[in-house]
PDB file of all heavy atoms in Angstrom:
ATOM      1  N   ASN A   1      22.276 -17.082  92.779  1.00  0.00           N
ATOM      2  CA  ASN A   1      23.015 -15.870  93.299  1.00  0.00           C
ATOM      3  C   ASN A   1      24.230 -16.283  94.114  1.00  0.00           C
ATOM      4  O   ASN A   1      25.333 -15.607  94.039  1.00  0.00           O
ATOM      5  CB  ASN A   1      21.999 -15.111  94.213  1.00  0.00           C
ATOM      6  CG  ASN A   1      21.165 -14.180  93.385  1.00  0.00           C
ATOM      7  OD1 ASN A   1      21.680 -13.187  92.865  1.00  0.00           O
ATOM      8  ND2 ASN A   1      19.908 -14.521  93.182  1.00  0.00           N
ATOM      9  N   ILE A   2      24.219 -17.406  94.734  1.00  0.00           N
ATOM     10  CA  ILE A   2      25.362 -17.908  95.426  1.00  0.00           C
ATOM     11  C   ILE A   2      26.486 -18.235  94.429  1.00  0.00           C
ATOM     12  O   ILE A   2      27.671 -18.066  94.536  1.00  0.00           O
ATOM     13  CB  ILE A   2      25.124 -19.055  96.380  1.00  0.00           C
ATOM     14  CG1 ILE A   2      24.214 -18.559  97.593  1.00  0.00           C
ATOM     15  CG2 ILE A   2      26.412 -19.751  96.811  1.00  0.00           C
ATOM     16  CD1 ILE A   2      23.596 -19.667  98.388  1.00  0.00           C
ATOM     17  N   SER A   3      26.046 -18.803  93.329  1.00  0.00           N
ATOM     18  CA  SER A   3      26.882 -19.123  92.220  1.00  0.00           C
ATOM     19  C   SER A   3      27.593 -17.868  91.594  1.00  0.00           C
ATOM     20  O   SER A   3      28.852 -17.803  91.407  1.00  0.00           O
ATOM     21  CB  SER A   3      26.205 -19.863  91.067  1.00  0.00           C
ATOM     22  OG  SER A   3      25.718 -21.177  91.448  1.00  0.00           O
ATOM     23  N   GLU A   4      26.808 -16.843  91.364  1.00  0.00           N
ATOM     24  CA  GLU A   4      27.339 -15.587  90.775  1.00  0.00           C
ATOM     25  C   GLU A   4      28.315 -14.955  91.833  1.00  0.00           C
ATOM     26  O   GLU A   4      29.230 -14.345  91.408  1.00  0.00           O
ATOM     27  CB  GLU A   4      26.209 -14.632  90.612  1.00  0.00           C
ATOM     28  CG  GLU A   4      25.445 -14.929  89.337  1.00  0.00           C
ATOM     29  CD  GLU A   4      24.408 -13.837  89.031  1.00  0.00           C
ATOM     30  OE1 GLU A   4      24.917 -12.613  88.979  1.00  0.00           O
ATOM     31  OE2 GLU A   4      23.264 -14.138  88.787  1.00  0.00           O
ATOM     32  N   ALA A   5      28.115 -15.113  93.107  1.00  0.00           N
ATOM     33  CA  ALA A   5      28.907 -14.525  94.226  1.00  0.00           C
ATOM     34  C   ALA A   5      30.264 -15.166  94.189  1.00  0.00           C
ATOM     35  O   ALA A   5      31.246 -14.586  94.730  1.00  0.00           O
ATOM     36  CB  ALA A   5      28.260 -14.654  95.536  1.00  0.00           C
ATOM     37  N   GLN A   6      30.480 -16.350  93.511  1.00  0.00           N
ATOM     38  CA  GLN A   6      31.803 -17.010  93.484  1.00  0.00           C
ATOM     39  C   GLN A   6      32.816 -16.186  92.770  1.00  0.00           C
ATOM     40  O   GLN A   6      34.029 -16.329  92.961  1.00  0.00           O
ATOM     41  CB  GLN A   6      31.601 -18.397  92.854  1.00  0.00           C
ATOM     42  CG  GLN A   6      30.642 -19.321  93.625  1.00  0.00           C
ATOM     43  CD  GLN A   6      31.008 -19.562  95.052  1.00  0.00           C
ATOM     44  OE1 GLN A   6      32.095 -20.113  95.357  1.00  0.00           O
ATOM     45  NE2 GLN A   6      30.089 -19.166  95.932  1.00  0.00           N
ATOM     46  N   TYR A   7      32.379 -15.394  91.677  1.00  0.00           N
ATOM     47  CA  TYR A   7      33.208 -14.609  90.931  1.00  0.00           C
ATOM     48  C   TYR A   7      32.600 -13.156  90.764  1.00  0.00           C
ATOM     49  O   TYR A   7      32.271 -12.666  89.738  1.00  0.00           O
ATOM     50  CB  TYR A   7      33.322 -15.247  89.513  1.00  0.00           C
ATOM     51  CG  TYR A   7      33.826 -16.584  89.518  1.00  0.00           C
ATOM     52  CD1 TYR A   7      33.070 -17.719  89.591  1.00  0.00           C
ATOM     53  CD2 TYR A   7      35.270 -16.760  89.601  1.00  0.00           C
ATOM     54  CE1 TYR A   7      33.595 -19.024  89.613  1.00  0.00           C
ATOM     55  CE2 TYR A   7      35.824 -18.075  89.733  1.00  0.00           C
ATOM     56  CZ  TYR A   7      35.031 -19.126  89.734  1.00  0.00           C
ATOM     57  OH  TYR A   7      35.565 -20.320  89.723  1.00  0.00           O
ATOM     58  N   PRO A   8      32.821 -12.459  91.887  1.00  0.00           N
ATOM     59  CA  PRO A   8      32.182 -11.086  92.055  1.00  0.00           C
ATOM     60  C   PRO A   8      33.129 -10.086  91.261  1.00  0.00           C
ATOM     61  O   PRO A   8      34.313 -10.351  91.150  1.00  0.00           O
ATOM     62  CB  PRO A   8      32.126 -10.854  93.406  1.00  0.00           C
ATOM     63  CG  PRO A   8      33.314 -11.624  93.974  1.00  0.00           C
ATOM     64  CD  PRO A   8      33.376 -12.815  93.236  1.00  0.00           C
ATOM     65  N   GLN A   9      32.501  -8.991  90.909  1.00  0.00           N
ATOM     66  CA  GLN A   9      33.307  -7.838  90.331  1.00  0.00           C
ATOM     67  C   GLN A   9      33.973  -7.077  91.555  1.00  0.00           C
ATOM     68  O   GLN A   9      34.981  -6.408  91.229  1.00  0.00           O
ATOM     69  CB  GLN A   9      32.396  -6.917  89.588  1.00  0.00           C
ATOM     70  CG  GLN A   9      31.788  -7.483  88.388  1.00  0.00           C
ATOM     71  CD  GLN A   9      30.683  -6.657  87.674  1.00  0.00           C
ATOM     72  OE1 GLN A   9      30.094  -5.870  88.350  1.00  0.00           O
ATOM     73  NE2 GLN A   9      30.537  -6.888  86.510  1.00  0.00           N
ATOM     74  N   SER A  10      33.399  -7.224  92.725  1.00  0.00           N
ATOM     75  CA  SER A  10      34.016  -6.523  93.883  1.00  0.00           C
ATOM     76  C   SER A  10      33.466  -7.122  95.128  1.00  0.00           C
ATOM     77  O   SER A  10      32.466  -7.961  95.088  1.00  0.00           O
ATOM     78  CB  SER A  10      33.614  -5.062  93.840  1.00  0.00           C
ATOM     79  OG  SER A  10      32.154  -4.857  93.925  1.00  0.00           O
ATOM     80  N   LEU A  11      33.934  -6.790  96.267  1.00  0.00           N
ATOM     81  CA  LEU A  11      33.250  -7.209  97.560  1.00  0.00           C
ATOM     82  C   LEU A  11      31.840  -6.754  97.703  1.00  0.00           C
ATOM     83  O   LEU A  11      31.069  -7.490  98.159  1.00  0.00           O
ATOM     84  CB  LEU A  11      34.079  -6.737  98.746  1.00  0.00           C
ATOM     85  CG  LEU A  11      35.314  -7.654  99.271  1.00  0.00           C
ATOM     86  CD1 LEU A  11      35.979  -6.979 100.396  1.00  0.00           C
ATOM     87  CD2 LEU A  11      34.824  -9.024  99.536  1.00  0.00           C
ATOM     88  N   ALA A  12      31.586  -5.492  97.294  1.00  0.00           N
ATOM     89  CA  ALA A  12      30.218  -5.010  97.343  1.00  0.00           C
ATOM     90  C   ALA A  12      29.248  -5.819  96.473  1.00  0.00           C
ATOM     91  O   ALA A  12      28.159  -6.087  96.900  1.00  0.00           O
ATOM     92  CB  ALA A  12      30.227  -3.526  96.945  1.00  0.00           C
ATOM     93  N   ASP A  13      29.732  -6.227  95.265  1.00  0.00           N
ATOM     94  CA  ASP A  13      28.986  -7.093  94.356  1.00  0.00           C
ATOM     95  C   ASP A  13      28.692  -8.434  95.058  1.00  0.00           C
ATOM     96  O   ASP A  13      27.608  -8.973  95.001  1.00  0.00           O
ATOM     97  CB  ASP A  13      29.718  -7.237  93.113  1.00  0.00           C
ATOM     98  CG  ASP A  13      28.913  -8.133  92.122  1.00  0.00           C
ATOM     99  OD1 ASP A  13      27.790  -7.876  91.862  1.00  0.00           O
ATOM    100  OD2 ASP A  13      29.494  -8.988  91.490  1.00  0.00           O
ATOM    101  N   MET A  14      29.745  -8.965  95.656  1.00  0.00           N
ATOM    102  CA  MET A  14      29.565 -10.260  96.323  1.00  0.00           C
ATOM    103  C   MET A  14      28.520 -10.168  97.463  1.00  0.00           C
ATOM    104  O   MET A  14      27.624 -11.053  97.644  1.00  0.00           O
ATOM    105  CB  MET A  14      30.915 -10.853  96.941  1.00  0.00           C
ATOM    106  CG  MET A  14      30.711 -12.129  97.749  1.00  0.00           C
ATOM    107  SD  MET A  14      32.286 -12.598  98.546  1.00  0.00           S
ATOM    108  CE  MET A  14      33.186 -13.251  97.167  1.00  0.00           C
ATOM    109  N   LEU A  15      28.582  -9.127  98.206  1.00  0.00           N
ATOM    110  CA  LEU A  15      27.624  -8.829  99.276  1.00  0.00           C
ATOM    111  C   LEU A  15      26.339  -8.772  98.785  1.00  0.00           C
ATOM    112  O   LEU A  15      25.349  -9.327  99.238  1.00  0.00           O
ATOM    113  CB  LEU A  15      27.995  -7.528 100.012  1.00  0.00           C
ATOM    114  CG  LEU A  15      27.117  -7.168 101.189  1.00  0.00           C
ATOM    115  CD1 LEU A  15      27.018  -8.299 102.289  1.00  0.00           C
ATOM    116  CD2 LEU A  15      27.514  -5.839 101.799  1.00  0.00           C
ATOM    117  N   SER A  16      26.032  -8.038  97.696  1.00  0.00           N
ATOM    118  CA  SER A  16      24.805  -7.879  97.155  1.00  0.00           C
ATOM    119  C   SER A  16      24.156  -9.165  96.654  1.00  0.00           C
ATOM    120  O   SER A  16      23.029  -9.457  96.947  1.00  0.00           O
ATOM    121  CB  SER A  16      24.851  -6.937  95.944  1.00  0.00           C
ATOM    122  OG  SER A  16      23.582  -6.766  95.216  1.00  0.00           O
ATOM    123  N   LYS A  17      24.993 -10.017  96.007  1.00  0.00           N
ATOM    124  CA  LYS A  17      24.472 -11.349  95.568  1.00  0.00           C
ATOM    125  C   LYS A  17      24.017 -12.184  96.776  1.00  0.00           C
ATOM    126  O   LYS A  17      23.069 -12.855  96.742  1.00  0.00           O
ATOM    127  CB  LYS A  17      25.521 -12.103  94.725  1.00  0.00           C
ATOM    128  CG  LYS A  17      25.986 -11.436  93.532  1.00  0.00           C
ATOM    129  CD  LYS A  17      24.945 -11.391  92.488  1.00  0.00           C
ATOM    130  CE  LYS A  17      25.389 -10.841  91.111  1.00  0.00           C
ATOM    131  NZ  LYS A  17      24.853  -9.607  90.762  1.00  0.00           N
ATOM    132  N   LEU A  18      24.860 -12.193  97.814  1.00  0.00           N
ATOM    133  CA  LEU A  18      24.563 -13.060  99.033  1.00  0.00           C
ATOM    134  C   LEU A  18      23.424 -12.500  99.752  1.00  0.00           C
ATOM    135  O   LEU A  18      22.641 -13.275 100.263  1.00  0.00           O
ATOM    136  CB  LEU A  18      25.829 -13.080  99.864  1.00  0.00           C
ATOM    137  CG  LEU A  18      27.022 -13.764  99.242  1.00  0.00           C
ATOM    138  CD1 LEU A  18      28.184 -13.879 100.352  1.00  0.00           C
ATOM    139  CD2 LEU A  18      26.770 -15.151  98.854  1.00  0.00           C
ATOM    140  N   GLU A  19      23.221 -11.231  99.756  1.00  0.00           N
ATOM    141  CA  GLU A  19      22.009 -10.681 100.366  1.00  0.00           C
ATOM    142  C   GLU A  19      20.689 -10.968  99.609  1.00  0.00           C
ATOM    143  O   GLU A  19      19.737 -11.332 100.201  1.00  0.00           O
ATOM    144  CB  GLU A  19      22.103  -9.085 100.473  1.00  0.00           C
ATOM    145  CG  GLU A  19      23.086  -8.767 101.540  1.00  0.00           C
ATOM    146  CD  GLU A  19      23.372  -7.221 101.683  1.00  0.00           C
ATOM    147  OE1 GLU A  19      23.135  -6.471 100.604  1.00  0.00           O
ATOM    148  OE2 GLU A  19      23.666  -6.706 102.756  1.00  0.00           O
ATOM    149  N   ILE A  20      20.840 -10.990  98.312  1.00  0.00           N
ATOM    150  CA  ILE A  20      19.664 -11.398  97.489  1.00  0.00           C
ATOM    151  C   ILE A  20      19.380 -12.798  97.699  1.00  0.00           C
ATOM    152  O   ILE A  20      18.191 -13.281  97.870  1.00  0.00           O
ATOM    153  CB  ILE A  20      19.955 -11.199  95.988  1.00  0.00           C
ATOM    154  CG1 ILE A  20      20.017  -9.581  95.748  1.00  0.00           C
ATOM    155  CG2 ILE A  20      18.900 -11.813  95.137  1.00  0.00           C
ATOM    156  CD1 ILE A  20      20.528  -9.277  94.350  1.00  0.00           C
ATOM    157  N   ALA A  21      20.405 -13.662  97.768  1.00  0.00           N
ATOM    158  CA  ALA A  21      20.213 -15.119  98.042  1.00  0.00           C
ATOM    159  C   ALA A  21      19.537 -15.368  99.426  1.00  0.00           C
ATOM    160  O   ALA A  21      18.643 -16.171  99.592  1.00  0.00           O
ATOM    161  CB  ALA A  21      21.599 -15.878  98.017  1.00  0.00           C
ATOM    162  N   ARG A  22      19.976 -14.558 100.436  1.00  0.00           N
ATOM    163  CA  ARG A  22      19.341 -14.681 101.678  1.00  0.00           C
ATOM    164  C   ARG A  22      17.814 -14.282 101.636  1.00  0.00           C
ATOM    165  O   ARG A  22      16.937 -14.954 102.267  1.00  0.00           O
ATOM    166  CB  ARG A  22      20.026 -13.794 102.687  1.00  0.00           C
ATOM    167  CG  ARG A  22      19.602 -13.943 104.166  1.00  0.00           C
ATOM    168  CD  ARG A  22      20.593 -13.220 105.035  1.00  0.00           C
ATOM    169  NE  ARG A  22      20.708 -11.749 104.731  1.00  0.00           N
ATOM    170  CZ  ARG A  22      21.421 -10.991 105.386  1.00  0.00           C
ATOM    171  NH1 ARG A  22      22.115 -11.342 106.533  1.00  0.00           N
ATOM    172  NH2 ARG A  22      21.572  -9.670 105.033  1.00  0.00           N
ATOM    173  N   LYS A  23      17.471 -13.171 100.884  1.00  0.00           N
ATOM    174  CA  LYS A  23      16.083 -12.830 100.762  1.00  0.00           C
ATOM    175  C   LYS A  23      15.263 -14.005  99.986  1.00  0.00           C
ATOM    176  O   LYS A  23      14.151 -14.238 100.327  1.00  0.00           O
ATOM    177  CB  LYS A  23      15.982 -11.504  99.983  1.00  0.00           C
ATOM    178  CG  LYS A  23      16.391 -10.385 100.838  1.00  0.00           C
ATOM    179  CD  LYS A  23      16.549  -9.044 100.177  1.00  0.00           C
ATOM    180  CE  LYS A  23      15.542  -8.737  99.067  1.00  0.00           C
ATOM    181  NZ  LYS A  23      15.633  -7.393  98.435  1.00  0.00           N
ATOM    182  N   GLU A  24      15.914 -14.506  98.995  1.00  0.00           N
ATOM    183  CA  GLU A  24      15.228 -15.600  98.234  1.00  0.00           C
ATOM    184  C   GLU A  24      14.967 -16.872  99.118  1.00  0.00           C
ATOM    185  O   GLU A  24      14.078 -17.560  98.988  1.00  0.00           O
ATOM    186  CB  GLU A  24      15.995 -15.965  97.053  1.00  0.00           C
ATOM    187  CG  GLU A  24      16.090 -14.883  95.930  1.00  0.00           C
ATOM    188  CD  GLU A  24      14.792 -14.535  95.274  1.00  0.00           C
ATOM    189  OE1 GLU A  24      13.831 -15.437  95.290  1.00  0.00           O
ATOM    190  OE2 GLU A  24      14.653 -13.436  94.683  1.00  0.00           O
ATOM    191  N   CYS A  25      15.966 -17.097 100.022  1.00  0.00           N
ATOM    192  CA  CYS A  25      15.908 -18.146 100.956  1.00  0.00           C
ATOM    193  C   CYS A  25      14.649 -17.981 101.877  1.00  0.00           C
ATOM    194  O   CYS A  25      13.932 -18.922 102.100  1.00  0.00           O
ATOM    195  CB  CYS A  25      17.167 -18.350 101.764  1.00  0.00           C
ATOM    196  SG  CYS A  25      17.411 -19.824 102.596  1.00  0.00           S
ATOM    197  N   MET A  26      14.571 -16.759 102.337  1.00  0.00           N
ATOM    198  CA  MET A  26      13.344 -16.377 103.230  1.00  0.00           C
ATOM    199  C   MET A  26      12.048 -16.585 102.433  1.00  0.00           C
ATOM    200  O   MET A  26      11.045 -17.101 102.990  1.00  0.00           O
ATOM    201  CB  MET A  26      13.477 -15.082 103.747  1.00  0.00           C
ATOM    202  CG  MET A  26      14.416 -14.833 104.882  1.00  0.00           C
ATOM    203  SD  MET A  26      14.035 -15.844 106.340  1.00  0.00           S
ATOM    204  CE  MET A  26      12.356 -15.307 106.761  1.00  0.00           C
ATOM    205  N   GLU A  27      12.101 -16.230 101.180  1.00  0.00           N
ATOM    206  CA  GLU A  27      10.902 -16.343 100.275  1.00  0.00           C
ATOM    207  C   GLU A  27      10.577 -17.907 100.222  1.00  0.00           C
ATOM    208  O   GLU A  27       9.409 -18.254 100.178  1.00  0.00           O
ATOM    209  CB  GLU A  27      11.124 -15.723  98.897  1.00  0.00           C
ATOM    210  CG  GLU A  27       9.886 -15.801  98.040  1.00  0.00           C
ATOM    211  CD  GLU A  27      10.004 -15.259  96.664  1.00  0.00           C
ATOM    212  OE1 GLU A  27      10.885 -14.343  96.475  1.00  0.00           O
ATOM    213  OE2 GLU A  27       9.282 -15.659  95.765  1.00  0.00           O
ATOM    214  N   THR A  28      11.505 -18.620  99.919  1.00  0.00           N
ATOM    215  CA  THR A  28      11.405 -20.110  99.819  1.00  0.00           C
ATOM    216  C   THR A  28      10.792 -20.655 101.107  1.00  0.00           C
ATOM    217  O   THR A  28       9.736 -21.429 100.994  1.00  0.00           O
ATOM    218  CB  THR A  28      12.679 -20.796  99.549  1.00  0.00           C
ATOM    219  OG1 THR A  28      13.255 -20.297  98.285  1.00  0.00           O
ATOM    220  CG2 THR A  28      12.567 -22.295  99.443  1.00  0.00           C
ATOM    221  N   GLU A  29      11.219 -20.209 102.193  1.00  0.00           N
ATOM    222  CA  GLU A  29      10.545 -20.567 103.456  1.00  0.00           C
ATOM    223  C   GLU A  29       9.018 -20.185 103.548  1.00  0.00           C
ATOM    224  O   GLU A  29       8.238 -21.021 104.088  1.00  0.00           O
ATOM    225  CB  GLU A  29      11.270 -20.083 104.645  1.00  0.00           C
ATOM    226  CG  GLU A  29      12.589 -20.704 104.981  1.00  0.00           C
ATOM    227  CD  GLU A  29      13.209 -20.243 106.261  1.00  0.00           C
ATOM    228  OE1 GLU A  29      12.646 -20.485 107.387  1.00  0.00           O
ATOM    229  OE2 GLU A  29      14.341 -19.806 106.213  1.00  0.00           O
ATOM    230  N   GLY A  30       8.811 -18.989 103.035  1.00  0.00           N
ATOM    231  CA  GLY A  30       7.383 -18.538 103.059  1.00  0.00           C
ATOM    232  C   GLY A  30       6.573 -19.498 102.214  1.00  0.00           C
ATOM    233  O   GLY A  30       5.396 -19.787 102.526  1.00  0.00           O
ATOM    234  N   TRP A  31       6.975 -19.763 100.971  1.00  0.00           N
ATOM    235  CA  TRP A  31       6.171 -20.676 100.173  1.00  0.00           C
ATOM    236  C   TRP A  31       6.127 -22.120 100.773  1.00  0.00           C
ATOM    237  O   TRP A  31       4.974 -22.700 100.616  1.00  0.00           O
ATOM    238  CB  TRP A  31       6.955 -20.813  98.773  1.00  0.00           C
ATOM    239  CG  TRP A  31       6.711 -19.534  97.964  1.00  0.00           C
ATOM    240  CD1 TRP A  31       7.799 -18.742  97.516  1.00  0.00           C
ATOM    241  CD2 TRP A  31       5.592 -18.970  97.337  1.00  0.00           C
ATOM    242  NE1 TRP A  31       7.339 -17.647  96.808  1.00  0.00           N
ATOM    243  CE2 TRP A  31       5.884 -17.793  96.751  1.00  0.00           C
ATOM    244  CE3 TRP A  31       4.189 -19.374  97.468  1.00  0.00           C
ATOM    245  CZ2 TRP A  31       4.946 -17.019  96.128  1.00  0.00           C
ATOM    246  CZ3 TRP A  31       3.245 -18.503  96.965  1.00  0.00           C
ATOM    247  CH2 TRP A  31       3.684 -17.434  96.235  1.00  0.00           C
ATOM    248  N   LEU A  32       7.126 -22.588 101.474  1.00  0.00           N
ATOM    249  CA  LEU A  32       7.005 -23.837 102.093  1.00  0.00           C
ATOM    250  C   LEU A  32       5.823 -23.756 103.172  1.00  0.00           C
ATOM    251  O   LEU A  32       5.103 -24.767 103.304  1.00  0.00           O
ATOM    252  CB  LEU A  32       8.346 -24.183 102.861  1.00  0.00           C
ATOM    253  CG  LEU A  32       9.361 -24.828 102.025  1.00  0.00           C
ATOM    254  CD1 LEU A  32      10.718 -24.816 102.740  1.00  0.00           C
ATOM    255  CD2 LEU A  32       9.015 -26.195 101.484  1.00  0.00           C
ATOM    256  N   LYS A  33       5.783 -22.691 103.905  1.00  0.00           N
ATOM    257  CA  LYS A  33       4.723 -22.501 104.937  1.00  0.00           C
ATOM    258  C   LYS A  33       3.387 -22.557 104.297  1.00  0.00           C
ATOM    259  O   LYS A  33       2.383 -23.220 104.731  1.00  0.00           O
ATOM    260  CB  LYS A  33       4.979 -21.229 105.731  1.00  0.00           C
ATOM    261  CG  LYS A  33       6.136 -21.326 106.691  1.00  0.00           C
ATOM    262  CD  LYS A  33       6.338 -19.930 107.352  1.00  0.00           C
ATOM    263  CE  LYS A  33       7.567 -19.909 108.096  1.00  0.00           C
ATOM    264  NZ  LYS A  33       7.991 -18.656 108.615  1.00  0.00           N
ATOM    265  N   LEU A  34       3.278 -22.001 103.099  1.00  0.00           N
ATOM    266  CA  LEU A  34       1.994 -21.887 102.377  1.00  0.00           C
ATOM    267  C   LEU A  34       1.546 -23.323 101.946  1.00  0.00           C
ATOM    268  O   LEU A  34       0.423 -23.743 102.030  1.00  0.00           O
ATOM    269  CB  LEU A  34       2.047 -20.982 101.247  1.00  0.00           C
ATOM    270  CG  LEU A  34       0.775 -20.652 100.415  1.00  0.00           C
ATOM    271  CD1 LEU A  34      -0.290 -20.040 101.299  1.00  0.00           C
ATOM    272  CD2 LEU A  34       1.091 -19.894  99.239  1.00  0.00           C
ATOM    273  N   ILE A  35       2.603 -23.942 101.355  1.00  0.00           N
ATOM    274  CA  ILE A  35       2.336 -25.336 100.899  1.00  0.00           C
ATOM    275  C   ILE A  35       1.907 -26.261 102.092  1.00  0.00           C
ATOM    276  O   ILE A  35       1.047 -27.123 102.011  1.00  0.00           O
ATOM    277  CB  ILE A  35       3.531 -25.953 100.238  1.00  0.00           C
ATOM    278  CG1 ILE A  35       3.817 -25.154  98.914  1.00  0.00           C
ATOM    279  CG2 ILE A  35       3.496 -27.416  99.927  1.00  0.00           C
ATOM    280  CD1 ILE A  35       5.137 -25.391  98.219  1.00  0.00           C
ATOM    281  N   LEU A  36       2.503 -26.092 103.238  1.00  0.00           N
ATOM    282  CA  LEU A  36       2.093 -26.887 104.399  1.00  0.00           C
ATOM    283  C   LEU A  36       0.685 -26.498 104.910  1.00  0.00           C
ATOM    284  O   LEU A  36      -0.156 -27.416 105.002  1.00  0.00           O
ATOM    285  CB  LEU A  36       3.052 -26.537 105.539  1.00  0.00           C
ATOM    286  CG  LEU A  36       2.678 -27.226 106.929  1.00  0.00           C
ATOM    287  CD1 LEU A  36       2.848 -28.635 106.944  1.00  0.00           C
ATOM    288  CD2 LEU A  36       3.578 -26.613 108.138  1.00  0.00           C
ATOM    289  N   SER A  37       0.358 -25.304 104.925  1.00  0.00           N
ATOM    290  CA  SER A  37      -0.961 -24.769 105.279  1.00  0.00           C
ATOM    291  C   SER A  37      -2.040 -25.269 104.313  1.00  0.00           C
ATOM    292  O   SER A  37      -3.137 -25.582 104.762  1.00  0.00           O
ATOM    293  CB  SER A  37      -1.044 -23.226 105.358  1.00  0.00           C
ATOM    294  OG  SER A  37      -0.184 -22.733 106.321  1.00  0.00           O
ATOM    295  N   SER A  38      -1.719 -25.422 103.058  1.00  0.00           N
ATOM    296  CA  SER A  38      -2.680 -25.846 102.072  1.00  0.00           C
ATOM    297  C   SER A  38      -2.707 -27.348 101.911  1.00  0.00           C
ATOM    298  O   SER A  38      -3.445 -27.846 101.106  1.00  0.00           O
ATOM    299  CB  SER A  38      -2.393 -25.195 100.739  1.00  0.00           C
ATOM    300  OG  SER A  38      -1.135 -25.592 100.200  1.00  0.00           O
TER     301      SER A  38
END
């Protein structure tokens, strides 16, 4: 998503891609916590 945001169709498109990347980053942290716990 960060790669896609390098060539956006618009500022709104860039924002959307970066917001998705941020959510995916939080998900990655969640999986890391699960891996630690297990």
